[in-house]
PDB file of N, CA and C in Angstrom:
ATOM      1  N   MET A   1     -31.763  44.592  45.671  1.00  0.00           N
ATOM      2  CA  MET A   1     -31.671  45.409  44.821  1.00  0.00           C
ATOM      3  C   MET A   1     -30.000  45.347  45.187  1.00  0.00           C
ATOM      4  N   ARG A   2     -29.086  45.746  43.966  1.00  0.00           N
ATOM      5  CA  ARG A   2     -27.699  45.649  43.782  1.00  0.00           C
ATOM      6  C   ARG A   2     -27.023  46.851  43.808  1.00  0.00           C
ATOM      7  N   ARG A   3     -26.101  46.679  44.507  1.00  0.00           N
ATOM      8  CA  ARG A   3     -25.058  47.884  44.856  1.00  0.00           C
ATOM      9  C   ARG A   3     -24.024  47.648  44.068  1.00  0.00           C
ATOM     10  N   GLY A   4     -22.971  49.119  43.864  1.00  0.00           N
ATOM     11  CA  GLY A   4     -21.816  48.753  43.756  1.00  0.00           C
ATOM     12  C   GLY A   4     -21.292  48.679  42.707  1.00  0.00           C
ATOM     13  N   THR A   5     -21.967  47.958  41.402  1.00  0.00           N
ATOM     14  CA  THR A   5     -21.654  47.144  40.563  1.00  0.00           C
ATOM     15  C   THR A   5     -21.875  48.460  38.863  1.00  0.00           C
ATOM     16  N   GLY A   6     -22.764  49.149  38.917  1.00  0.00           N
ATOM     17  CA  GLY A   6     -23.208  50.268  38.081  1.00  0.00           C
ATOM     18  C   GLY A   6     -23.648  48.991  37.346  1.00  0.00           C
ATOM     19  N   THR A   7     -23.450  49.965  35.506  1.00  0.00           N
ATOM     20  CA  THR A   7     -23.150  48.363  34.588  1.00  0.00           C
ATOM     21  C   THR A   7     -21.978  47.793  34.260  1.00  0.00           C
ATOM     22  N   TRP A   8     -23.164  45.993  33.827  1.00  0.00           N
ATOM     23  CA  TRP A   8     -21.755  45.948  33.062  1.00  0.00           C
ATOM     24  C   TRP A   8     -21.240  44.492  31.687  1.00  0.00           C
ATOM     25  N   GLY A   9     -22.898  44.980  31.328  1.00  0.00           N
ATOM     26  CA  GLY A   9     -22.137  44.713  29.951  1.00  0.00           C
ATOM     27  C   GLY A   9     -23.280  45.497  29.668  1.00  0.00           C
ATOM     28  N   ILE A  10     -24.132  45.105  27.418  1.00  0.00           N
ATOM     29  CA  ILE A  10     -24.575  46.447  26.869  1.00  0.00           C
ATOM     30  C   ILE A  10     -26.147  45.692  27.177  1.00  0.00           C
ATOM     31  N   ALA A  11     -26.786  44.714  27.354  1.00  0.00           N
ATOM     32  CA  ALA A  11     -27.754  43.937  27.022  1.00  0.00           C
ATOM     33  C   ALA A  11     -29.030  45.442  28.209  1.00  0.00           C
ATOM     34  N   PRO A  12     -30.245  44.952  27.857  1.00  0.00           N
ATOM     35  CA  PRO A  12     -30.964  46.213  28.028  1.00  0.00           C
ATOM     36  C   PRO A  12     -31.374  45.457  29.253  1.00  0.00           C
ATOM     37  N   PHE A  13     -30.859  45.132  30.573  1.00  0.00           N
ATOM     38  CA  PHE A  13     -30.928  44.265  32.034  1.00  0.00           C
ATOM     39  C   PHE A  13     -28.986  44.716  32.495  1.00  0.00           C
ATOM     40  N   ASP A  14     -28.003  44.832  31.789  1.00  0.00           N
ATOM     41  CA  ASP A  14     -27.256  45.019  32.242  1.00  0.00           C
ATOM     42  C   ASP A  14     -26.991  46.431  33.038  1.00  0.00           C
ATOM     43  N   ASN A  15     -27.199  46.258  33.586  1.00  0.00           N
ATOM     44  CA  ASN A  15     -27.177  48.015  34.744  1.00  0.00           C
ATOM     45  C   ASN A  15     -27.832  48.551  35.973  1.00  0.00           C
ATOM     46  N   ASP A  16     -27.634  48.248  37.579  1.00  0.00           N
ATOM     47  CA  ASP A  16     -28.448  48.356  38.640  1.00  0.00           C
ATOM     48  C   ASP A  16     -29.890  49.425  38.219  1.00  0.00           C
ATOM     49  N   THR A  17     -30.346  49.924  37.192  1.00  0.00           N
ATOM     50  CA  THR A  17     -31.536  50.664  37.468  1.00  0.00           C
ATOM     51  C   THR A  17     -32.821  49.474  36.813  1.00  0.00           C
ATOM     52  N   ALA A  18     -31.702  49.342  35.543  1.00  0.00           N
ATOM     53  CA  ALA A  18     -33.155  48.416  34.832  1.00  0.00           C
ATOM     54  C   ALA A  18     -32.991  47.237  35.877  1.00  0.00           C
ATOM     55  N   ALA A  19     -31.752  46.399  36.113  1.00  0.00           N
ATOM     56  CA  ALA A  19     -32.201  45.032  36.687  1.00  0.00           C
ATOM     57  C   ALA A  19     -32.949  44.982  37.827  1.00  0.00           C
ATOM     58  N   ASP A  20     -32.911  46.967  38.902  1.00  0.00           N
ATOM     59  CA  ASP A  20     -33.475  46.359  40.021  1.00  0.00           C
ATOM     60  C   ASP A  20     -35.179  46.551  39.127  1.00  0.00           C
ATOM     61  N   PHE A  21     -35.138  47.850  38.732  1.00  0.00           N
ATOM     62  CA  PHE A  21     -36.539  47.363  37.527  1.00  0.00           C
ATOM     63  C   PHE A  21     -37.458  45.953  37.081  1.00  0.00           C
ATOM     64  N   GLY A  22     -36.367  45.284  37.046  1.00  0.00           N
ATOM     65  CA  GLY A  22     -36.911  43.946  36.443  1.00  0.00           C
ATOM     66  C   GLY A  22     -37.419  43.298  37.720  1.00  0.00           C
ATOM     67  N   ASP A  23     -36.120  43.192  38.698  1.00  0.00           N
ATOM     68  CA  ASP A  23     -36.984  42.738  40.368  1.00  0.00           C
ATOM     69  C   ASP A  23     -38.188  43.381  40.142  1.00  0.00           C
ATOM     70  N   GLU A  24     -38.095  44.775  40.420  1.00  0.00           N
ATOM     71  CA  GLU A  24     -40.020  44.555  40.966  1.00  0.00           C
ATOM     72  C   GLU A  24     -41.234  44.477  39.747  1.00  0.00           C
ATOM     73  N   LEU A  25     -40.844  44.138  39.035  1.00  0.00           N
ATOM     74  CA  LEU A  25     -41.684  43.865  38.025  1.00  0.00           C
ATOM     75  C   LEU A  25     -41.984  42.550  38.378  1.00  0.00           C
ATOM     76  N   ASP A  26     -41.030  41.971  38.677  1.00  0.00           N
ATOM     77  CA  ASP A  26     -40.791  40.251  38.818  1.00  0.00           C
ATOM     78  C   ASP A  26     -42.073  40.167  40.317  1.00  0.00           C
ATOM     79  N   ALA A  27     -41.926  40.615  42.062  1.00  0.00           N
ATOM     80  CA  ALA A  27     -42.142  41.122  42.965  1.00  0.00           C
ATOM     81  C   ALA A  27     -44.277  41.388  42.439  1.00  0.00           C
ATOM     82  N   ALA A  28     -44.093  42.488  41.653  1.00  0.00           N
ATOM     83  CA  ALA A  28     -45.421  42.804  41.507  1.00  0.00           C
ATOM     84  C   ALA A  28     -46.551  41.763  41.251  1.00  0.00           C
ATOM     85  N   ALA A  29     -47.545  41.813  41.701  1.00  0.00           N
ATOM     86  CA  ALA A  29     -48.756  40.959  41.472  1.00  0.00           C
ATOM     87  C   ALA A  29     -48.815  40.877  40.033  1.00  0.00           C
ATOM     88  N   TRP A  30     -48.538  39.898  38.431  1.00  0.00           N
ATOM     89  CA  TRP A  30     -48.960  40.212  37.084  1.00  0.00           C
ATOM     90  C   TRP A  30     -49.841  40.525  36.470  1.00  0.00           C
ATOM     91  N   GLU A  31     -51.108  41.306  37.221  1.00  0.00           N
ATOM     92  CA  GLU A  31     -52.327  42.562  37.189  1.00  0.00           C
ATOM     93  C   GLU A  31     -51.398  44.343  36.633  1.00  0.00           C
ATOM     94  N   GLU A  32     -50.107  44.192  36.947  1.00  0.00           N
ATOM     95  CA  GLU A  32     -49.777  45.085  37.794  1.00  0.00           C
ATOM     96  C   GLU A  32     -48.398  45.444  37.094  1.00  0.00           C
ATOM     97  N   ARG A  33     -47.655  44.515  36.538  1.00  0.00           N
ATOM     98  CA  ARG A  33     -46.812  45.032  35.807  1.00  0.00           C
ATOM     99  C   ARG A  33     -46.468  45.057  34.189  1.00  0.00           C
ATOM    100  N   GLU A  34     -48.030  45.094  33.485  1.00  0.00           N
ATOM    101  CA  GLU A  34     -48.187  46.541  32.659  1.00  0.00           C
ATOM    102  C   GLU A  34     -47.790  47.442  32.420  1.00  0.00           C
ATOM    103  N   PRO A  35     -49.383  48.382  33.988  1.00  0.00           N
ATOM    104  CA  PRO A  35     -49.550  48.917  34.194  1.00  0.00           C
ATOM    105  C   PRO A  35     -47.496  50.249  34.433  1.00  0.00           C
ATOM    106  N   MET A  36     -47.203  49.179  35.056  1.00  0.00           N
ATOM    107  CA  MET A  36     -45.368  49.687  35.674  1.00  0.00           C
ATOM    108  C   MET A  36     -44.538  49.348  34.174  1.00  0.00           C
ATOM    109  N   ILE A  37     -44.347  49.116  33.349  1.00  0.00           N
ATOM    110  CA  ILE A  37     -43.827  48.738  31.684  1.00  0.00           C
ATOM    111  C   ILE A  37     -45.220  50.291  31.215  1.00  0.00           C
ATOM    112  N   ARG A  38     -45.290  51.047  31.427  1.00  0.00           N
ATOM    113  CA  ARG A  38     -46.770  51.608  30.886  1.00  0.00           C
ATOM    114  C   ARG A  38     -46.207  52.842  31.123  1.00  0.00           C
ATOM    115  N   LYS A  39     -46.609  52.850  32.603  1.00  0.00           N
ATOM    116  CA  LYS A  39     -45.873  54.042  33.327  1.00  0.00           C
ATOM    117  C   LYS A  39     -43.829  54.300  33.258  1.00  0.00           C
ATOM    118  N   THR A  40     -44.134  53.818  32.891  1.00  0.00           N
ATOM    119  CA  THR A  40     -42.086  53.340  32.290  1.00  0.00           C
ATOM    120  C   THR A  40     -42.069  54.009  31.643  1.00  0.00           C
ATOM    121  N   LEU A  41     -42.862  53.611  30.438  1.00  0.00           N
ATOM    122  CA  LEU A  41     -42.955  54.829  28.665  1.00  0.00           C
ATOM    123  C   LEU A  41     -43.054  55.736  29.291  1.00  0.00           C
ATOM    124  N   ARG A  42     -44.566  55.596  29.601  1.00  0.00           N
ATOM    125  CA  ARG A  42     -44.717  57.359  29.123  1.00  0.00           C
ATOM    126  C   ARG A  42     -43.292  58.305  29.768  1.00  0.00           C
ATOM    127  N   ARG A  43     -43.077  57.638  31.198  1.00  0.00           N
ATOM    128  CA  ARG A  43     -42.307  59.231  31.989  1.00  0.00           C
ATOM    129  C   ARG A  43     -40.972  59.266  30.644  1.00  0.00           C
ATOM    130  N   ALA A  44     -40.380  58.378  30.273  1.00  0.00           N
ATOM    131  CA  ALA A  44     -39.043  58.640  29.553  1.00  0.00           C
ATOM    132  C   ALA A  44     -39.831  59.235  28.068  1.00  0.00           C
ATOM    133  N   ALA A  45     -41.416  59.351  27.531  1.00  0.00           N
ATOM    134  CA  ALA A  45     -41.527  59.266  26.483  1.00  0.00           C
ATOM    135  C   ALA A  45     -42.428  61.371  26.564  1.00  0.00           C
ATOM    136  N   ALA A  46     -42.272  61.576  27.797  1.00  0.00           N
ATOM    137  CA  ALA A  46     -42.793  62.796  28.260  1.00  0.00           C
ATOM    138  C   ALA A  46     -42.238  64.238  27.940  1.00  0.00           C
ATOM    139  N   PRO A  47     -42.552  65.022  27.402  1.00  0.00           N
ATOM    140  CA  PRO A  47     -41.582  66.024  27.235  1.00  0.00           C
ATOM    141  C   PRO A  47     -41.397  66.546  28.481  1.00  0.00           C
ATOM    142  N   ALA A  48     -39.721  66.929  27.732  1.00  0.00           N
ATOM    143  CA  ALA A  48     -38.609  67.433  29.225  1.00  0.00           C
ATOM    144  C   ALA A  48     -37.414  68.128  28.707  1.00  0.00           C
ATOM    145  N   ASP A  49     -36.832  69.006  29.342  1.00  0.00           N
ATOM    146  CA  ASP A  49     -35.946  69.530  28.441  1.00  0.00           C
ATOM    147  C   ASP A  49     -34.438  68.282  28.494  1.00  0.00           C
ATOM    148  N   CYS A  50     -33.438  67.516  29.926  1.00  0.00           N
ATOM    149  CA  CYS A  50     -34.038  66.468  29.127  1.00  0.00           C
ATOM    150  C   CYS A  50     -33.162  64.549  29.858  1.00  0.00           C
ATOM    151  N   LEU A  51     -33.564  63.864  30.038  1.00  0.00           N
ATOM    152  CA  LEU A  51     -33.960  62.275  29.748  1.00  0.00           C
ATOM    153  C   LEU A  51     -32.871  61.950  30.574  1.00  0.00           C
ATOM    154  N   ASP A  52     -33.082  62.088  32.378  1.00  0.00           N
ATOM    155  CA  ASP A  52     -32.430  61.345  33.273  1.00  0.00           C
ATOM    156  C   ASP A  52     -32.192  60.234  32.928  1.00  0.00           C
ATOM    157  N   ALA A  53     -30.679  59.958  33.630  1.00  0.00           N
ATOM    158  CA  ALA A  53     -29.951  57.897  33.143  1.00  0.00           C
ATOM    159  C   ALA A  53     -30.207  57.452  34.147  1.00  0.00           C
ATOM    160  N   PRO A  54     -31.540  57.953  35.064  1.00  0.00           N
ATOM    161  CA  PRO A  54     -32.552  56.354  35.164  1.00  0.00           C
ATOM    162  C   PRO A  54     -33.441  56.016  34.798  1.00  0.00           C
ATOM    163  N   ASP A  55     -33.576  57.052  34.195  1.00  0.00           N
ATOM    164  CA  ASP A  55     -35.125  56.801  33.682  1.00  0.00           C
ATOM    165  C   ASP A  55     -35.446  56.766  32.064  1.00  0.00           C
ATOM    166  N   ALA A  56     -34.267  56.467  31.155  1.00  0.00           N
ATOM    167  CA  ALA A  56     -34.005  55.633  30.944  1.00  0.00           C
ATOM    168  C   ALA A  56     -33.751  55.035  29.876  1.00  0.00           C
ATOM    169  N   GLU A  57     -32.358  54.291  30.897  1.00  0.00           N
ATOM    170  CA  GLU A  57     -31.893  52.702  31.590  1.00  0.00           C
ATOM    171  C   GLU A  57     -34.050  52.010  32.075  1.00  0.00           C
ATOM    172  N   ARG A  58     -34.332  52.786  32.911  1.00  0.00           N
ATOM    173  CA  ARG A  58     -35.659  51.766  32.592  1.00  0.00           C
ATOM    174  C   ARG A  58     -36.515  51.803  31.485  1.00  0.00           C
ATOM    175  N   ALA A  59     -36.384  53.264  30.881  1.00  0.00           N
ATOM    176  CA  ALA A  59     -37.295  52.914  29.851  1.00  0.00           C
ATOM    177  C   ALA A  59     -36.614  52.221  28.541  1.00  0.00           C
ATOM    178  N   VAL A  60     -35.381  51.664  28.545  1.00  0.00           N
ATOM    179  CA  VAL A  60     -35.042  50.774  27.680  1.00  0.00           C
ATOM    180  C   VAL A  60     -35.055  49.853  28.034  1.00  0.00           C
ATOM    181  N   ALA A  61     -35.094  48.412  29.136  1.00  0.00           N
ATOM    182  CA  ALA A  61     -35.267  47.707  29.905  1.00  0.00           C
ATOM    183  C   ALA A  61     -36.520  47.177  29.475  1.00  0.00           C
ATOM    184  N   ALA A  62     -37.710  48.403  29.580  1.00  0.00           N
ATOM    185  CA  ALA A  62     -39.395  48.612  29.637  1.00  0.00           C
ATOM    186  C   ALA A  62     -39.564  48.762  28.416  1.00  0.00           C
ATOM    187  N   ALA A  63     -38.779  48.905  27.352  1.00  0.00           N
ATOM    188  CA  ALA A  63     -38.857  48.328  26.522  1.00  0.00           C
ATOM    189  C   ALA A  63     -38.280  47.341  25.588  1.00  0.00           C
ATOM    190  N   ALA A  64     -37.560  47.111  25.440  1.00  0.00           N
ATOM    191  CA  ALA A  64     -37.403  45.621  25.222  1.00  0.00           C
ATOM    192  C   ALA A  64     -38.311  44.398  26.202  1.00  0.00           C
ATOM    193  N   LEU A  65     -38.385  44.816  26.808  1.00  0.00           N
ATOM    194  CA  LEU A  65     -40.261  43.330  27.535  1.00  0.00           C
ATOM    195  C   LEU A  65     -40.763  43.473  26.241  1.00  0.00           C
ATOM    196  N   VAL A  66     -41.076  44.643  25.469  1.00  0.00           N
ATOM    197  CA  VAL A  66     -42.445  44.939  24.939  1.00  0.00           C
ATOM    198  C   VAL A  66     -41.707  44.086  23.948  1.00  0.00           C
ATOM    199  N   VAL A  67     -40.659  44.726  23.014  1.00  0.00           N
ATOM    200  CA  VAL A  67     -39.924  43.988  22.260  1.00  0.00           C
ATOM    201  C   VAL A  67     -40.104  42.590  22.179  1.00  0.00           C
ATOM    202  N   SER A  68     -39.923  42.356  23.461  1.00  0.00           N
ATOM    203  CA  SER A  68     -39.612  40.348  23.622  1.00  0.00           C
ATOM    204  C   SER A  68     -40.762  40.063  23.209  1.00  0.00           C
ATOM    205  N   GLN A  69     -41.970  40.260  23.701  1.00  0.00           N
ATOM    206  CA  GLN A  69     -43.664  39.686  23.518  1.00  0.00           C
ATOM    207  C   GLN A  69     -43.789  39.476  21.202  1.00  0.00           C
ATOM    208  N   HIS A  70     -42.415  40.289  20.414  1.00  0.00           N
ATOM    209  CA  HIS A  70     -43.089  40.266  19.348  1.00  0.00           C
ATOM    210  C   HIS A  70     -43.135  38.919  18.987  1.00  0.00           C
ATOM    211  N   PRO A  71     -44.066  38.342  18.151  1.00  0.00           N
ATOM    212  CA  PRO A  71     -44.388  36.901  17.728  1.00  0.00           C
ATOM    213  C   PRO A  71     -43.239  36.285  16.918  1.00  0.00           C
ATOM    214  N   ALA A  72     -42.184  37.486  16.323  1.00  0.00           N
ATOM    215  CA  ALA A  72     -41.377  36.528  15.311  1.00  0.00           C
ATOM    216  C   ALA A  72     -40.028  35.514  16.675  1.00  0.00           C
ATOM    217  N   GLY A  73     -40.170  36.283  17.474  1.00  0.00           N
ATOM    218  CA  GLY A  73     -39.387  35.467  18.242  1.00  0.00           C
ATOM    219  C   GLY A  73     -38.453  35.648  19.219  1.00  0.00           C
ATOM    220  N   GLU A  74     -37.889  36.115  19.455  1.00  0.00           N
ATOM    221  CA  GLU A  74     -36.057  35.735  21.127  1.00  0.00           C
ATOM    222  C   GLU A  74     -35.995  37.576  20.187  1.00  0.00           C
ATOM    223  N   PRO A  75     -35.220  38.445  21.595  1.00  0.00           N
ATOM    224  CA  PRO A  75     -34.942  39.512  21.100  1.00  0.00           C
ATOM    225  C   PRO A  75     -33.876  39.378  20.156  1.00  0.00           C
ATOM    226  N   GLU A  76     -33.373  40.074  19.342  1.00  0.00           N
ATOM    227  CA  GLU A  76     -32.126  40.466  18.639  1.00  0.00           C
ATOM    228  C   GLU A  76     -31.061  40.356  19.532  1.00  0.00           C
ATOM    229  N   TRP A  77     -30.850  41.189  20.189  1.00  0.00           N
ATOM    230  CA  TRP A  77     -29.546  41.146  21.017  1.00  0.00           C
ATOM    231  C   TRP A  77     -29.730  40.114  21.821  1.00  0.00           C
ATOM    232  N   ALA A  78     -29.817  38.874  22.166  1.00  0.00           N
ATOM    233  CA  ALA A  78     -30.468  37.876  22.465  1.00  0.00           C
ATOM    234  C   ALA A  78     -28.647  36.975  22.219  1.00  0.00           C
ATOM    235  N   GLY A  79     -27.751  37.170  22.979  1.00  0.00           N
ATOM    236  CA  GLY A  79     -27.049  35.772  22.464  1.00  0.00           C
ATOM    237  C   GLY A  79     -25.876  36.312  21.287  1.00  0.00           C
ATOM    238  N   ARG A  80     -25.776  37.721  21.455  1.00  0.00           N
ATOM    239  CA  ARG A  80     -24.915  38.495  20.611  1.00  0.00           C
ATOM    240  C   ARG A  80     -24.329  39.936  21.788  1.00  0.00           C
ATOM    241  N   ARG A  81     -22.905  39.908  21.293  1.00  0.00           N
ATOM    242  CA  ARG A  81     -21.758  40.987  21.902  1.00  0.00           C
ATOM    243  C   ARG A  81     -21.462  41.909  21.329  1.00  0.00           C
ATOM    244  N   SER A  82     -21.256  42.706  22.094  1.00  0.00           N
ATOM    245  CA  SER A  82     -21.378  43.937  20.714  1.00  0.00           C
ATOM    246  C   SER A  82     -20.576  43.428  20.583  1.00  0.00           C
ATOM    247  N   SER A  83     -19.444  44.002  18.874  1.00  0.00           N
ATOM    248  CA  SER A  83     -18.324  44.268  18.534  1.00  0.00           C
ATOM    249  C   SER A  83     -16.791  45.017  19.465  1.00  0.00           C
ATOM    250  N   CYS A  84     -18.331  46.230  20.194  1.00  0.00           N
ATOM    251  CA  CYS A  84     -17.237  47.328  21.352  1.00  0.00           C
ATOM    252  C   CYS A  84     -16.619  46.707  22.049  1.00  0.00           C
ATOM    253  N   ALA A  85     -17.675  45.869  23.194  1.00  0.00           N
ATOM    254  CA  ALA A  85     -17.625  44.934  24.074  1.00  0.00           C
ATOM    255  C   ALA A  85     -16.233  43.900  24.362  1.00  0.00           C
ATOM    256  N   ALA A  86     -15.347  44.322  25.655  1.00  0.00           N
ATOM    257  CA  ALA A  86     -14.835  44.392  25.646  1.00  0.00           C
ATOM    258  C   ALA A  86     -14.102  42.283  25.151  1.00  0.00           C
ATOM    259  N   THR A  87     -13.051  42.088  25.023  1.00  0.00           N
ATOM    260  CA  THR A  87     -12.185  41.054  24.997  1.00  0.00           C
ATOM    261  C   THR A  87     -11.693  40.249  26.288  1.00  0.00           C
TER     262      THR A  87
END
């Protein structure tokens, strides 16, 4: 578990919450991973007055994993920096 850094970039896993989610998936058995991703996306999509930042960060990471499995190849963000990123 990472502590003290917060957010360090603009990619889906460039924050503590999403990185921890990735670590949890890595530690989970293969057959547990898809249900974990589905649960995360369902929680973010559930009706609510607002979506808390940690739930949103996990959902973005989960969605990135789903998109990365698309047969067209690499995710769009791979290897790119935002024009907003500090230089």
